[in-house]
N, C-alpha and C. Protein backbone atom coordinates (compact mmCIF):
# COMPACT_ATOMS: atom_id res chain seq x y z
N UNK A 1 -8.19 -31.07 3.36
CA UNK A 1 -6.98 -30.77 3.82
C UNK A 1 -6.92 -30.68 5.46
N UNK A 2 -6.12 -30.87 5.99
CA UNK A 2 -6.13 -30.77 7.65
C UNK A 2 -5.40 -29.30 7.52
N UNK A 3 -6.62 -28.64 8.93
CA UNK A 3 -5.47 -27.27 8.53
C UNK A 3 -4.60 -27.23 10.06
N UNK A 4 -3.48 -26.86 9.65
CA UNK A 4 -2.45 -26.99 10.84
C UNK A 4 -2.51 -26.00 12.13
N UNK A 5 -2.53 -26.01 13.09
CA UNK A 5 -2.94 -25.44 13.81
C UNK A 5 -1.97 -23.86 14.52
N UNK A 6 -2.50 -23.24 15.11
CA UNK A 6 -1.42 -21.92 14.95
C UNK A 6 -0.48 -22.34 15.86
N UNK A 7 -0.37 -22.96 17.05
CA UNK A 7 1.24 -23.46 18.09
C UNK A 7 1.93 -24.07 17.04
N UNK A 8 1.98 -24.98 16.18
CA UNK A 8 2.32 -25.94 15.14
C UNK A 8 3.05 -24.70 14.32
N UNK A 9 2.62 -23.68 13.64
CA UNK A 9 3.14 -23.05 12.55
C UNK A 9 3.83 -22.08 13.12
N UNK A 10 3.49 -21.64 14.67
CA UNK A 10 4.22 -20.48 15.13
C UNK A 10 6.03 -21.45 16.01
N UNK A 11 5.39 -22.58 15.71
CA UNK A 11 6.54 -23.49 16.34
C UNK A 11 7.73 -23.61 15.04
N UNK A 12 6.76 -23.68 13.55
CA UNK A 12 8.16 -23.83 12.70
C UNK A 12 8.34 -22.80 11.97
N UNK A 13 7.52 -21.63 12.55
CA UNK A 13 8.44 -20.02 11.83
C UNK A 13 9.43 -20.03 13.01
N UNK A 14 9.34 -20.81 14.13
CA UNK A 14 10.73 -19.77 14.39
C UNK A 14 11.70 -20.81 14.91
N UNK A 15 11.62 -21.69 14.24
CA UNK A 15 12.97 -22.91 13.77
C UNK A 15 14.01 -22.63 12.72
N UNK A 16 14.68 -22.03 13.50
CA UNK A 16 15.83 -21.12 12.59
C UNK A 16 16.64 -22.20 11.69
N UNK A 17 16.14 -23.78 11.76
CA UNK A 17 17.06 -24.39 10.31
C UNK A 17 15.85 -24.68 9.70
N UNK A 18 15.09 -24.17 9.39
CA UNK A 18 14.55 -23.53 8.45
C UNK A 18 14.63 -22.87 7.65
N UNK A 19 14.55 -22.83 6.18
CA UNK A 19 14.70 -21.39 4.82
C UNK A 19 13.50 -20.22 6.08
N UNK A 20 14.27 -19.25 5.64
CA UNK A 20 13.60 -17.95 5.84
C UNK A 20 12.48 -17.79 5.26
N UNK A 21 12.56 -18.20 4.05
CA UNK A 21 11.17 -18.04 3.12
C UNK A 21 10.10 -18.80 3.67
N UNK A 22 10.55 -19.66 4.21
CA UNK A 22 9.58 -20.93 4.76
C UNK A 22 8.48 -20.54 6.35
N UNK A 23 9.74 -19.76 6.91
CA UNK A 23 9.14 -19.39 8.02
C UNK A 23 8.45 -18.15 7.91
N UNK A 24 8.60 -16.77 6.82
CA UNK A 24 7.72 -16.22 6.79
C UNK A 24 7.01 -16.73 5.95
N UNK A 25 6.32 -17.62 5.13
CA UNK A 25 5.36 -18.44 4.87
C UNK A 25 4.25 -18.98 5.55
N UNK A 26 4.94 -18.96 7.24
CA UNK A 26 4.37 -20.13 7.98
C UNK A 26 4.06 -19.03 9.24
N UNK A 27 3.95 -17.64 9.07
CA UNK A 27 3.67 -16.33 9.93
C UNK A 27 2.21 -16.30 9.09
N UNK A 28 2.74 -15.93 7.94
CA UNK A 28 1.64 -15.46 6.82
C UNK A 28 0.17 -15.98 6.90
N UNK A 29 0.32 -17.90 7.13
CA UNK A 29 -0.85 -18.70 7.63
C UNK A 29 -1.09 -18.42 9.06
N UNK A 30 -0.67 -18.00 9.80
CA UNK A 30 -1.10 -17.90 11.24
C UNK A 30 -1.94 -16.34 10.95
N UNK A 31 -1.55 -15.43 10.54
CA UNK A 31 -2.16 -14.47 9.97
C UNK A 31 -3.33 -13.99 9.89
N UNK A 32 -3.53 -14.84 8.49
CA UNK A 32 -4.63 -15.47 7.86
C UNK A 32 -5.72 -16.11 8.42
N UNK A 33 -5.54 -17.50 8.92
CA UNK A 33 -5.69 -18.74 9.00
C UNK A 33 -6.22 -18.40 10.64
N UNK A 34 -5.07 -18.00 11.22
CA UNK A 34 -5.32 -17.28 13.01
C UNK A 34 -5.75 -16.43 13.30
N UNK A 35 -6.74 -15.14 12.73
CA UNK A 35 -6.17 -13.92 13.55
C UNK A 35 -7.11 -13.73 14.36
N UNK A 36 -6.27 -13.17 15.19
CA UNK A 36 -7.01 -12.94 16.28
C UNK A 36 -6.59 -13.30 17.97
N UNK A 37 -5.66 -14.50 17.67
CA UNK A 37 -5.16 -15.36 18.52
C UNK A 37 -3.84 -14.88 18.95
N UNK A 38 -3.36 -15.44 20.06
CA UNK A 38 -2.14 -14.82 20.98
C UNK A 38 -0.98 -15.36 19.51
N UNK A 39 -0.97 -16.44 19.32
CA UNK A 39 -0.19 -16.58 18.15
C UNK A 39 -0.12 -15.52 17.20
N UNK A 40 -0.68 -15.12 16.14
CA UNK A 40 -1.25 -13.92 15.58
C UNK A 40 -0.52 -12.66 16.15
N UNK A 41 -0.40 -12.51 17.51
CA UNK A 41 -0.10 -11.14 17.67
C UNK A 41 1.81 -11.21 17.74
N UNK A 42 1.80 -12.59 18.01
CA UNK A 42 3.25 -12.47 17.95
C UNK A 42 3.92 -13.03 16.84
N UNK A 43 2.97 -13.18 15.71
CA UNK A 43 3.49 -13.57 14.43
C UNK A 43 3.57 -12.35 13.40
N UNK A 44 2.93 -11.03 14.25
CA UNK A 44 2.95 -9.91 13.29
C UNK A 44 3.95 -9.50 14.20
N UNK A 45 4.54 -10.01 15.26
CA UNK A 45 5.84 -8.76 16.02
C UNK A 45 7.00 -9.37 15.34
N UNK A 46 7.11 -10.48 14.96
CA UNK A 46 8.04 -11.28 14.38
C UNK A 46 8.33 -11.15 12.87
N UNK A 47 7.55 -10.95 12.34
CA UNK A 47 7.45 -10.89 10.84
C UNK A 47 8.50 -9.77 10.30
N UNK A 48 8.17 -8.86 10.88
CA UNK A 48 9.50 -7.42 10.61
C UNK A 48 10.89 -7.87 10.44
N UNK A 49 11.38 -8.65 11.68
CA UNK A 49 12.77 -8.59 11.45
C UNK A 49 12.91 -9.92 10.59
N UNK A 50 11.57 -10.90 10.27
CA UNK A 50 12.48 -11.94 9.13
C UNK A 50 12.07 -11.61 7.77
N UNK A 51 11.30 -10.50 7.75
CA UNK A 51 10.95 -9.88 5.87
C UNK A 51 12.43 -9.29 5.70
N UNK A 52 13.32 -8.47 6.97
CA UNK A 52 14.51 -7.61 6.54
C UNK A 52 15.64 -9.30 6.63
N UNK A 53 15.47 -10.16 7.36
CA UNK A 53 16.47 -11.17 7.38
C UNK A 53 16.50 -11.85 5.69
N UNK A 54 15.26 -12.00 5.43
CA UNK A 54 14.58 -12.84 3.97
C UNK A 54 15.13 -11.70 2.91
N UNK A 55 15.17 -10.48 3.30
CA UNK A 55 15.80 -9.12 2.19
C UNK A 55 17.45 -9.30 1.88
N UNK A 56 17.74 -9.23 2.91
CA UNK A 56 19.24 -9.22 3.02
C UNK A 56 19.92 -10.58 2.11
N UNK A 57 19.19 -11.67 2.48
CA UNK A 57 19.53 -13.45 1.92
C UNK A 57 19.23 -12.64 0.25
N UNK A 58 18.22 -12.69 -0.34
CA UNK A 58 17.99 -12.32 -1.50
C UNK A 58 18.85 -10.98 -1.99
N UNK A 59 19.30 -9.56 -1.62
CA UNK A 59 20.00 -9.21 -2.07
C UNK A 59 21.25 -8.97 -1.17
N UNK A 60 22.56 -9.51 -1.41
CA UNK A 60 24.11 -9.03 -1.28
C UNK A 60 24.35 -8.00 -1.34
N UNK A 61 25.32 -7.11 -0.35
CA UNK A 61 25.54 -5.96 -0.37
C UNK A 61 26.03 -5.24 -1.68
N UNK A 62 25.06 -4.40 -1.80
CA UNK A 62 25.31 -3.12 -3.10
C UNK A 62 23.80 -3.59 -3.77
N UNK A 63 23.89 -4.83 -4.30
CA UNK A 63 22.87 -5.11 -4.91
C UNK A 63 21.59 -4.67 -4.90
N UNK A 64 20.93 -4.33 -3.95
CA UNK A 64 19.65 -3.91 -3.23
C UNK A 64 19.26 -2.51 -4.00
N UNK A 65 20.40 -1.54 -4.62
CA UNK A 65 20.24 -0.74 -4.87
C UNK A 65 20.32 -0.92 -6.44
N UNK A 66 19.16 0.04 -6.61
CA UNK A 66 18.85 -0.04 -8.69
C UNK A 66 19.19 1.76 -8.83
N UNK A 67 20.22 1.74 -9.60
CA UNK A 67 20.72 2.86 -10.74
C UNK A 67 20.05 3.38 -12.07
N UNK A 68 19.97 4.44 -12.36
CA UNK A 68 19.51 4.38 -13.56
C UNK A 68 20.04 6.03 -13.86
N UNK A 69 19.97 6.32 -15.02
CA UNK A 69 20.60 7.79 -16.07
C UNK A 69 19.87 7.53 -17.26
N UNK A 70 18.89 9.12 -17.07
CA UNK A 70 18.13 9.45 -17.84
C UNK A 70 18.60 11.36 -18.87
N UNK A 71 18.06 11.22 -19.62
CA UNK A 71 18.89 12.62 -20.20
C UNK A 71 17.66 13.40 -20.01
N UNK A 72 17.71 14.60 -19.41
CA UNK A 72 16.56 15.93 -18.72
C UNK A 72 16.50 16.67 -20.63
N UNK A 73 15.54 16.40 -21.26
CA UNK A 73 15.28 16.52 -22.48
C UNK A 73 15.43 18.23 -22.60
N UNK A 74 14.84 19.55 -20.99
CA UNK A 74 15.52 20.71 -21.70
C UNK A 74 16.90 21.10 -21.61
N UNK A 75 17.44 20.50 -21.11
CA UNK A 75 18.74 20.77 -20.81
C UNK A 75 20.30 20.08 -21.64
N UNK A 76 19.23 18.75 -21.79
CA UNK A 76 20.16 17.81 -22.59
C UNK A 76 21.43 17.12 -21.28
N UNK A 77 21.43 17.14 -20.06
CA UNK A 77 21.88 16.48 -19.34
C UNK A 77 21.48 15.96 -18.35
N UNK A 78 22.24 14.66 -18.00
CA UNK A 78 21.99 13.95 -17.32
C UNK A 78 20.98 13.98 -15.88
N UNK A 79 20.12 12.74 -15.78
CA UNK A 79 19.35 13.45 -13.92
C UNK A 79 19.40 11.57 -13.89
N UNK A 80 20.60 11.65 -12.64
CA UNK A 80 21.07 10.38 -12.06
C UNK A 80 19.99 9.84 -11.03
N UNK A 81 19.94 8.86 -10.74
CA UNK A 81 18.67 8.23 -9.26
C UNK A 81 19.48 7.17 -9.34
N UNK A 82 19.34 6.87 -7.72
CA UNK A 82 19.35 5.87 -7.10
C UNK A 82 18.06 5.44 -6.22
N UNK A 83 17.46 3.95 -6.38
CA UNK A 83 16.51 4.00 -5.38
C UNK A 83 17.13 2.41 -4.44
N UNK A 84 16.47 2.44 -3.38
CA UNK A 84 16.41 1.37 -2.54
C UNK A 84 15.40 0.76 -2.11
N UNK A 85 14.47 -0.14 -2.07
CA UNK A 85 13.19 -0.17 -1.48
C UNK A 85 12.89 -0.61 0.12
N UNK A 86 12.51 -0.74 0.95
CA UNK A 86 12.35 -0.97 2.55
C UNK A 86 12.69 -2.32 3.05
N UNK A 87 13.07 -2.96 3.47
CA UNK A 87 13.09 -3.54 3.71
C UNK A 87 11.94 -4.19 5.31
N UNK A 88 10.91 -3.10 5.51
CA UNK A 88 9.55 -3.59 6.25
C UNK A 88 8.74 -3.23 5.36
N UNK A 89 7.41 -3.57 5.87
CA UNK A 89 6.46 -3.21 5.23
C UNK A 89 5.36 -2.53 6.30
N UNK A 90 4.14 -2.23 5.35
CA UNK A 90 2.98 -1.64 5.85
C UNK A 90 1.59 -2.11 5.35
N UNK A 91 0.87 -2.05 6.72
CA UNK A 91 -0.87 -2.13 6.12
C UNK A 91 -1.52 -1.00 6.84
N UNK A 92 -1.67 -0.14 6.18
CA UNK A 92 -2.44 1.39 6.58
C UNK A 92 -4.07 0.66 6.90
N UNK A 93 -4.59 1.40 7.35
CA UNK A 93 -6.27 1.52 7.28
C UNK A 93 -6.79 1.54 5.82
N UNK A 94 -8.19 1.58 5.42
CA UNK A 94 -9.03 1.68 4.30
C UNK A 94 -9.00 2.93 4.37
N UNK A 95 -8.87 3.92 2.79
CA UNK A 95 -8.75 3.24 1.50
C UNK A 95 -7.63 2.65 1.16
N UNK A 96 -6.30 2.88 2.23
CA UNK A 96 -5.06 2.34 1.74
C UNK A 96 -4.63 1.10 2.33
N UNK A 97 -4.96 0.44 2.74
CA UNK A 97 -5.59 -1.32 3.05
C UNK A 97 -4.35 -1.59 1.83
N UNK A 98 -3.37 -2.78 2.39
CA UNK A 98 -2.78 -3.84 1.82
C UNK A 98 -1.44 -3.38 1.31
N UNK A 99 -0.40 -4.64 1.65
CA UNK A 99 0.50 -4.47 2.31
C UNK A 99 1.50 -3.80 1.44
N UNK A 100 2.04 -3.09 1.71
CA UNK A 100 3.36 -1.87 0.58
C UNK A 100 4.42 -1.48 1.37
N UNK A 101 5.11 -1.48 0.75
CA UNK A 101 6.56 -0.80 1.30
C UNK A 101 6.87 0.75 0.93
N UNK A 102 7.71 1.46 1.23
CA UNK A 102 8.50 2.42 0.75
C UNK A 102 9.65 2.75 0.23
N UNK A 103 10.33 3.34 -0.86
CA UNK A 103 11.36 3.59 -1.26
C UNK A 103 12.06 5.28 -1.01
N UNK A 104 13.20 4.89 -1.05
CA UNK A 104 14.64 5.82 -0.56
C UNK A 104 14.77 6.38 -1.97
N UNK A 105 14.35 7.72 -2.64
CA UNK A 105 15.38 7.86 -3.54
C UNK A 105 16.23 8.76 -3.65
N UNK A 106 17.65 8.89 -4.19
CA UNK A 106 18.55 9.79 -3.98
C UNK A 106 18.54 10.21 -5.95
N UNK A 107 18.46 11.49 -5.73
CA UNK A 107 18.15 11.93 -7.36
C UNK A 107 19.53 13.49 -7.42
N UNK A 108 20.14 13.21 -8.93
CA UNK A 108 20.68 14.47 -9.01
C UNK A 108 20.40 15.24 -10.63
N UNK A 109 19.64 16.03 -10.54
CA UNK A 109 18.66 16.98 -11.69
C UNK A 109 19.86 17.76 -11.85
N UNK A 110 19.74 18.17 -13.36
CA UNK A 110 20.94 19.27 -13.47
C UNK A 110 19.96 20.92 -13.76
N UNK A 111 18.42 20.88 -13.73
CA UNK A 111 18.25 21.83 -13.10
C UNK A 111 17.15 21.72 -11.64
N UNK A 112 16.84 21.04 -11.54
CA UNK A 112 16.20 20.90 -10.32
C UNK A 112 17.14 20.80 -8.85
N UNK A 113 18.30 19.91 -8.97
CA UNK A 113 18.95 20.17 -8.29
C UNK A 113 19.17 18.61 -7.50
N UNK A 114 19.41 18.51 -6.66
CA UNK A 114 20.15 17.29 -6.01
C UNK A 114 18.92 17.13 -4.32
N UNK A 115 18.41 15.97 -4.51
CA UNK A 115 17.52 15.57 -3.63
C UNK A 115 17.10 14.04 -2.78
N UNK A 116 16.93 14.03 -1.35
CA UNK A 116 16.76 12.75 -1.16
C UNK A 116 15.04 12.95 -1.16
N UNK A 117 14.45 12.05 -1.51
CA UNK A 117 13.19 11.52 -1.20
C UNK A 117 13.06 9.81 -0.86
N UNK A 118 11.67 10.23 -0.10
CA UNK A 118 11.28 8.82 0.58
C UNK A 118 9.47 9.04 -0.16
N UNK A 119 9.05 8.01 0.06
CA UNK A 119 7.90 7.68 -1.05
C UNK A 119 7.17 6.84 -0.43
N UNK A 120 5.89 6.07 -0.77
CA UNK A 120 5.39 4.95 -0.02
C UNK A 120 4.51 5.29 -1.18
N UNK A 121 3.64 3.73 -1.69
CA UNK A 121 2.93 3.47 -2.62
C UNK A 121 1.56 4.14 -2.37
N UNK A 122 0.72 3.96 -1.61
CA UNK A 122 -0.42 4.74 -1.49
C UNK A 122 -0.75 5.34 0.14
N UNK A 123 -1.27 6.28 0.44
CA UNK A 123 -1.61 7.21 1.51
C UNK A 123 -1.14 8.41 1.74
N UNK A 124 -1.26 8.72 2.75
CA UNK A 124 -1.24 10.55 2.48
C UNK A 124 0.43 10.82 3.83
N UNK A 125 1.09 11.27 2.95
CA UNK A 125 2.51 11.62 4.20
C UNK A 125 2.00 13.41 4.53
N UNK A 126 1.60 13.50 5.87
CA UNK A 126 1.08 14.46 6.53
C UNK A 126 2.66 15.22 5.91
N UNK A 127 2.51 16.40 4.92
CA UNK A 127 3.34 17.28 4.73
C UNK A 127 2.96 18.41 3.63
N UNK A 128 2.44 19.52 4.31
CA UNK A 128 1.92 20.42 3.22
C UNK A 128 2.18 22.45 4.31
N UNK A 129 2.29 22.83 3.09
CA UNK A 129 2.30 24.63 3.39
C UNK A 129 2.13 24.46 4.46
N UNK A 130 0.95 24.48 5.05
CA UNK A 130 0.99 24.63 6.22
C UNK A 130 0.60 24.49 7.38
N UNK A 131 1.55 23.15 7.07
CA UNK A 131 1.83 22.67 8.26
C UNK A 131 2.71 22.27 8.38
N UNK A 132 3.74 21.85 10.04
CA UNK A 132 5.27 21.25 10.14
C UNK A 132 4.70 19.83 9.44
N UNK A 133 6.38 19.34 9.05
CA UNK A 133 7.12 17.89 8.41
C UNK A 133 8.26 17.77 8.60
N UNK A 134 7.79 17.15 9.94
CA UNK A 134 9.26 16.54 10.66
C UNK A 134 8.87 14.90 10.43
N UNK A 135 10.81 14.86 9.26
CA UNK A 135 10.99 13.68 9.25
C UNK A 135 12.39 13.18 10.33
N UNK A 136 12.09 11.94 10.90
CA UNK A 136 13.31 11.55 11.42
C UNK A 136 13.62 10.41 11.22
N UNK A 137 15.65 10.61 11.33
CA UNK A 137 16.37 9.68 10.68
C UNK A 137 17.14 9.62 11.05
N UNK A 138 17.57 7.89 11.31
CA UNK A 138 19.05 7.57 12.25
C UNK A 138 19.82 6.53 10.93
N UNK A 139 20.84 7.26 11.17
CA UNK A 139 21.70 5.79 10.74
C UNK A 139 22.60 5.32 11.59
N UNK A 140 22.51 3.18 11.23
CA UNK A 140 22.70 2.47 11.95
C UNK A 140 22.59 3.04 13.59
N UNK A 141 23.78 2.65 14.69
CA UNK A 141 23.33 3.32 15.80
C UNK A 141 23.57 4.51 16.35
N UNK A 142 23.50 5.39 15.21
CA UNK A 142 23.41 6.95 15.68
C UNK A 142 22.47 7.38 16.57
N UNK A 143 22.24 8.17 17.23
CA UNK A 143 21.23 9.21 16.98
C UNK A 143 20.49 10.09 16.31
N UNK A 144 18.97 9.86 16.60
CA UNK A 144 17.86 10.33 15.45
C UNK A 144 18.56 11.51 15.19
N UNK A 145 17.94 11.95 14.03
CA UNK A 145 17.89 13.32 14.00
C UNK A 145 16.66 13.99 13.12
N UNK A 146 16.35 15.21 13.46
CA UNK A 146 15.14 15.81 12.73
C UNK A 146 15.32 16.73 11.73
N UNK A 147 14.43 16.29 10.76
CA UNK A 147 14.72 17.56 9.55
C UNK A 147 13.34 18.01 9.12
N UNK A 148 13.42 18.96 8.32
CA UNK A 148 12.02 19.66 7.93
C UNK A 148 11.95 19.13 6.74
N UNK A 149 11.09 18.47 6.40
CA UNK A 149 10.89 18.22 5.19
C UNK A 149 9.83 18.69 4.20
N UNK A 150 10.00 18.77 3.56
CA UNK A 150 9.33 19.87 2.20
C UNK A 150 8.21 18.77 1.32
N UNK A 151 7.11 18.84 0.52
CA UNK A 151 6.24 18.42 -0.33
C UNK A 151 6.63 18.49 -1.39
N UNK A 152 6.07 17.45 -2.58
CA UNK A 152 6.55 17.54 -4.05
C UNK A 152 5.57 18.70 -4.66
N UNK A 153 6.33 19.71 -5.66
CA UNK A 153 5.74 20.61 -6.08
C UNK A 153 4.13 20.29 -6.84
N UNK A 154 3.96 19.66 -7.35
CA UNK A 154 2.88 19.14 -7.60
C UNK A 154 1.47 18.48 -6.76
N UNK A 155 2.49 18.66 -5.29
CA UNK A 155 1.41 18.35 -4.34
C UNK A 155 0.85 16.87 -3.60
N UNK A 156 1.81 16.01 -4.57
CA UNK A 156 0.93 14.41 -4.37
C UNK A 156 1.68 13.93 -2.57
N UNK A 157 0.79 13.09 -2.06
CA UNK A 157 0.91 13.15 -1.02
C UNK A 157 1.79 11.70 -0.50
N UNK A 158 2.12 11.17 -1.51
CA UNK A 158 3.11 9.87 -1.28
C UNK A 158 4.55 9.92 -1.10
N UNK A 159 4.75 11.31 -1.39
CA UNK A 159 5.97 11.73 -1.07
C UNK A 159 6.66 12.81 -0.29
N UNK A 160 8.13 12.64 0.25
CA UNK A 160 8.40 13.97 1.12
C UNK A 160 9.76 13.73 0.85
N UNK A 161 10.50 15.15 0.54
CA UNK A 161 11.79 15.62 0.14
C UNK A 161 12.36 16.10 1.70
N UNK A 162 13.58 15.31 1.21
CA UNK A 162 14.16 15.42 3.12
C UNK A 162 15.61 16.39 2.42
N UNK A 163 15.72 17.37 3.08
CA UNK A 163 16.72 18.28 2.95
C UNK A 163 18.08 17.66 3.80
N UNK A 164 19.12 18.24 3.20
CA UNK A 164 20.47 18.07 3.68
C UNK A 164 21.12 17.15 2.64
N UNK A 165 21.29 17.10 1.40
CA UNK A 165 21.89 15.66 0.04
C UNK A 165 23.06 15.91 0.33
N UNK A 166 23.99 16.48 0.74
CA UNK A 166 25.29 16.22 0.74
C UNK A 166 26.06 15.69 2.44
N UNK A 167 24.96 16.10 3.00
CA UNK A 167 25.13 15.57 4.66
C UNK A 167 24.85 13.58 4.45
N UNK A 168 23.43 13.56 4.07
CA UNK A 168 23.31 12.38 3.92
C UNK A 168 23.69 11.31 3.13
N UNK A 169 24.19 12.17 1.95
CA UNK A 169 24.73 11.12 0.86
C UNK A 169 25.90 10.48 1.29
N UNK A 170 26.39 11.33 2.33
CA UNK A 170 27.57 10.74 2.76
C UNK A 170 28.13 10.08 3.57
N UNK A 171 27.24 10.21 4.54
CA UNK A 171 26.72 9.44 5.94
C UNK A 171 26.03 7.43 4.54
N UNK A 172 25.21 7.94 3.79
CA UNK A 172 24.80 6.16 2.78
C UNK A 172 26.24 5.50 2.77
N UNK A 173 27.07 6.57 2.41
CA UNK A 173 28.41 5.53 2.11
C UNK A 173 29.04 4.81 2.72
N UNK A 174 28.84 5.02 4.32
CA UNK A 174 29.49 4.79 5.17
C UNK A 174 28.19 3.25 5.92
N UNK A 175 27.07 3.74 5.97
CA UNK A 175 25.98 3.50 6.91
C UNK A 175 25.62 1.96 5.90
N UNK A 176 25.46 0.96 6.99
CA UNK A 176 24.54 -0.33 6.64
C UNK A 176 22.66 0.08 6.65
N UNK A 177 22.03 0.19 7.59
CA UNK A 177 20.82 0.89 7.97
C UNK A 177 20.30 2.32 8.02
N UNK A 178 19.35 2.40 7.36
CA UNK A 178 19.04 3.67 7.58
C UNK A 178 17.58 3.35 8.04
N UNK A 179 17.10 4.27 9.20
CA UNK A 179 15.78 4.66 10.08
C UNK A 179 14.83 5.92 9.53
N UNK A 180 14.26 5.83 8.97
CA UNK A 180 13.00 7.09 8.34
C UNK A 180 11.61 6.84 8.90
N UNK A 181 11.09 7.68 10.05
CA UNK A 181 10.43 7.91 10.64
C UNK A 181 9.40 9.42 10.09
N UNK A 182 8.30 9.36 9.58
CA UNK A 182 7.49 10.44 9.27
C UNK A 182 5.92 9.65 9.40
N UNK A 183 5.28 11.03 9.72
CA UNK A 183 3.77 10.76 9.54
C UNK A 183 2.74 10.71 8.87
N UNK A 184 2.03 9.40 8.60
CA UNK A 184 0.84 9.45 7.79
C UNK A 184 -0.68 9.55 7.94
N UNK A 185 -1.07 10.37 7.53
CA UNK A 185 -2.64 10.94 7.95
C UNK A 185 -3.63 9.29 8.36
N UNK A 186 -4.28 9.41 9.32
CA UNK A 186 -4.85 8.59 10.63
C UNK A 186 -4.15 7.06 10.61
N UNK A 187 -2.46 7.35 10.17
CA UNK A 187 -1.87 6.53 10.63
C UNK A 187 -0.67 6.46 12.03
N UNK A 188 -0.52 7.71 12.25
CA UNK A 188 0.70 8.55 12.88
C UNK A 188 1.96 7.91 12.25
N UNK A 189 2.90 7.73 13.28
CA UNK A 189 3.98 7.90 12.77
C UNK A 189 4.52 6.60 12.48
N UNK A 190 4.84 6.24 11.40
CA UNK A 190 5.82 5.15 10.18
C UNK A 190 6.88 5.10 10.40
N UNK A 191 7.11 4.23 10.19
CA UNK A 191 9.08 3.93 9.86
C UNK A 191 8.98 3.33 9.05
N UNK A 192 9.88 3.52 7.83
CA UNK A 192 10.79 2.71 6.97
C UNK A 192 11.83 2.59 7.52
N UNK A 193 12.20 1.39 7.23
CA UNK A 193 13.78 0.71 7.30
C UNK A 193 14.17 0.72 5.91
N UNK A 194 15.69 1.17 5.49
CA UNK A 194 16.33 0.63 4.62
C UNK A 194 17.50 -0.05 4.91
N UNK A 195 18.08 -0.94 3.79
CA UNK A 195 19.01 -1.60 3.80
C UNK A 195 19.89 -0.79 2.84
N UNK A 196 20.93 0.10 3.41
CA UNK A 196 21.79 1.16 2.72
C UNK A 196 23.21 0.85 2.33
N UNK A 197 23.66 -0.92 2.56
CA UNK A 197 24.78 -0.96 2.52
C UNK A 197 25.14 -0.95 1.09
N UNK A 198 26.38 -0.43 0.77
CA UNK A 198 26.88 -0.80 -0.62
C UNK A 198 26.48 0.02 -1.43
N UNK A 199 25.94 1.46 -1.01
CA UNK A 199 25.52 2.70 -2.23
C UNK A 199 26.70 3.26 -2.49
N UNK A 200 26.88 3.37 -3.51
CA UNK A 200 28.24 3.66 -4.70
C UNK A 200 27.92 4.75 -5.27
N UNK A 201 28.47 5.97 -4.28
CA UNK A 201 27.81 7.74 -4.81
C UNK A 201 28.65 7.73 -5.92
N UNK A 202 29.85 7.04 -6.39
CA UNK A 202 30.47 7.48 -7.99
C UNK A 202 29.06 7.35 -8.61
N UNK A 203 28.79 6.26 -8.82
CA UNK A 203 27.46 6.30 -9.74
C UNK A 203 26.57 7.53 -9.84
N UNK A 204 26.89 8.21 -8.94
CA UNK A 204 26.02 9.26 -8.90
C UNK A 204 26.12 10.29 -9.52
N UNK A 205 27.91 10.49 -9.83
CA UNK A 205 28.45 11.84 -10.73
C UNK A 205 28.70 11.50 -11.81
N UNK A 206 29.18 9.92 -12.55
CA UNK A 206 29.55 9.06 -13.75
C UNK A 206 28.83 9.81 -14.73
């Protein structure tokens, strides 16, 4: 098999007449087979936008949200959640290497209250009782605002709770895009971008 050159792959990735999935596949080949090249640097910069584009194509408005209702065994009342996965992905250093995504969770719990949470699959979000925990939030083209996040009660490092449930969920119903920036151990600031269009607040109360 003749290996396709990096310039040829990059040209194919830039060809807007090709399917988005095919363009992304070409970027992946560049990063895999031509690591360290100038084309690989450009491919890495292009990938987040194409990933978001493919996500939008595969997830019509509102269908990217996953809703669930479970019964709280202690109170007998419903626990309602809504989840959406980030349109971009991350690749942290060892020992948390491998591409992963973030998840935004909205939860209404009869005993624990209402929460907005952001989590990653693996890694350590810097949010401990002995240190500050800034979480920056930006809806669409609004100015970013900084909230003070809190860690889970079980001290797990993959999740951060964001205060202001009422304010944040009211904005979710009107927004198309949400960006959340938080600090991860040995990675610095990490930004997760979510397609929040079509959020159905009624499903959190019914």
